[in-house]
Protein backbone atom coordinates (compact mmCIF):
# COMPACT_ATOMS: atom_id res chain seq x y z
CA MET A 1 20.79 7.71 -18.20
CA GLU A 2 18.90 7.02 -14.99
CA MET A 3 16.23 4.34 -15.10
CA THR A 4 13.15 4.91 -13.00
CA THR A 5 9.92 3.04 -12.49
CA LYS A 6 7.90 6.17 -11.76
CA SER A 7 6.27 8.12 -14.53
CA GLY A 8 6.81 11.84 -14.91
CA SER A 9 3.27 12.59 -13.75
CA ALA A 10 3.80 10.60 -10.54
CA GLU A 11 6.93 12.64 -9.82
CA LYS A 12 5.01 15.88 -10.43
CA VAL A 13 2.28 14.85 -8.02
CA ARG A 14 4.79 13.87 -5.34
CA ALA A 15 6.76 17.10 -5.72
CA GLY A 16 3.55 19.13 -5.67
CA THR A 17 2.48 17.38 -2.48
CA VAL A 18 5.83 18.23 -0.87
CA VAL A 19 5.41 21.89 -1.80
CA VAL A 20 1.86 21.90 -0.40
CA GLY A 21 3.13 20.44 2.86
CA ALA A 22 5.81 23.08 3.15
CA PHE A 23 3.56 26.02 2.42
CA ALA A 24 0.59 24.79 4.46
CA ASP A 25 2.32 25.31 7.81
CA GLY A 26 5.63 26.96 6.92
CA THR A 27 7.90 23.98 7.64
CA LEU A 28 8.33 20.46 6.32
CA THR A 29 10.62 17.51 7.00
CA ALA A 30 11.07 15.12 4.08
CA ALA A 31 13.58 13.08 2.14
CA ALA A 32 16.20 15.20 0.39
CA GLN A 33 15.28 13.85 -3.04
CA ALA A 34 11.66 15.00 -2.67
CA ILE A 35 12.73 18.44 -1.45
CA ASP A 36 15.19 18.78 -4.31
CA LYS A 37 12.50 18.05 -6.89
CA ALA A 38 10.06 20.40 -5.18
CA SER A 39 12.53 23.25 -4.87
CA LYS A 40 13.01 23.27 -8.64
CA ARG A 41 9.48 24.56 -9.04
CA ARG A 42 9.38 28.18 -10.09
CA LEU A 43 6.64 29.22 -7.70
CA SER A 44 8.47 32.32 -6.54
CA THR A 45 8.27 33.86 -10.01
CA VAL A 46 4.61 32.96 -10.31
CA LEU A 47 3.85 34.40 -6.88
CA LYS A 48 5.56 37.69 -7.62
CA ARG A 49 3.38 38.25 -10.68
CA GLY A 50 0.18 37.67 -8.74
CA ASP A 51 -2.23 37.98 -11.68
CA LEU A 52 -4.97 35.55 -12.71
CA ALA A 53 -2.68 33.67 -15.08
CA ALA A 54 -0.18 33.22 -12.23
CA ARG A 55 -2.90 31.80 -9.96
CA ARG A 56 -3.93 29.37 -12.67
CA ARG A 57 -0.30 28.32 -13.18
CA ALA A 58 0.07 27.72 -9.44
CA LEU A 59 -3.12 25.65 -9.45
CA SER A 60 -1.68 23.52 -12.24
CA LEU A 61 1.47 22.87 -10.16
CA LEU A 62 -0.13 22.36 -6.75
CA PRO A 63 -3.02 20.01 -5.97
CA ASP A 64 -4.57 22.06 -3.11
CA LYS A 65 -6.67 25.19 -3.81
CA ASP A 66 -6.53 26.35 -0.19
CA VAL A 67 -2.75 26.36 -0.19
CA VAL A 68 -2.66 28.33 -3.47
CA LYS A 69 -5.02 30.89 -1.93
CA LYS A 70 -2.78 31.15 1.15
CA LEU A 71 0.29 31.53 -1.07
CA PHE A 72 -1.14 34.47 -2.98
CA ASP A 73 -3.03 36.16 -0.14
CA GLU A 74 -0.65 35.74 2.82
CA LEU A 75 2.82 34.64 1.73
CA ALA A 76 3.39 36.47 -1.57
CA PRO A 77 3.05 39.98 -0.05
CA ARG A 78 5.72 39.08 2.54
CA TYR A 79 8.28 38.12 -0.12
CA VAL A 80 7.49 40.55 -2.95
CA ALA A 81 10.42 42.87 -2.12
CA ARG A 82 12.84 40.01 -1.39
CA PRO A 83 15.18 39.24 -4.32
CA GLY A 84 15.50 35.54 -3.50
CA GLY A 85 16.22 33.05 -0.75
CA TYR A 86 12.64 32.35 0.31
CA VAL A 87 13.29 28.84 1.60
CA ARG A 88 15.86 27.54 4.10
CA ILE A 89 16.87 23.88 3.73
CA THR A 90 18.67 22.27 6.68
CA LYS A 91 20.20 18.78 6.50
CA LEU A 92 19.07 16.48 9.32
CA GLY A 93 21.10 13.38 8.49
CA PRO A 94 20.04 9.91 7.39
CA ARG A 95 16.60 8.53 8.24
CA GLN A 96 16.61 5.53 10.54
CA GLY A 97 15.42 2.48 8.65
CA ASP A 98 16.26 3.11 5.01
CA GLY A 99 19.09 5.65 5.34
CA ALA A 100 17.47 8.28 3.11
CA GLU A 101 19.00 11.71 3.63
CA MET A 102 16.46 13.88 5.50
CA VAL A 103 16.15 17.65 5.30
CA LYS A 104 13.95 20.29 6.87
CA MET A 105 12.52 22.95 4.57
CA GLU A 106 11.11 26.13 6.06
CA LEU A 107 10.07 29.52 4.80
CA VAL A 108 12.49 32.29 5.72
CA GLU A 109 11.06 35.03 7.93
CA GLU A 110 12.27 38.57 7.46
C-alpha cells in the first residue's frame, strides 16, 4: 500500500488543473505522474454525450468554466465520430533538477 501525504481532494484538484491546461491550448508539458492521473478521467465519454448532465459532470471534474464551454462547443464536435485515441502522450525524458519523468500531452488532430 502506497503512503501519501496528499489527500484525495488535493489529487483531484491537481489532475483537474492538468486537464484544464491541456484543453485550454491543445498541448501541455507536465510530469508523467500528473498526466497519468489526468488521463484516467473519463471526459471523452462525458463529451460524447453532450447533454446538460454531461456538462454538469464536466464542471464537477474541471475547475474552469471557460474550458468546459470550449470542450463542449469546439472540441467535442471534432471527436464525436472518433472511436478513441483523442490524446497523444510523448515522453520527453527526465526533468533537470529533480529527475521527474516529463511528458507532452496534446490533442490529436484528424
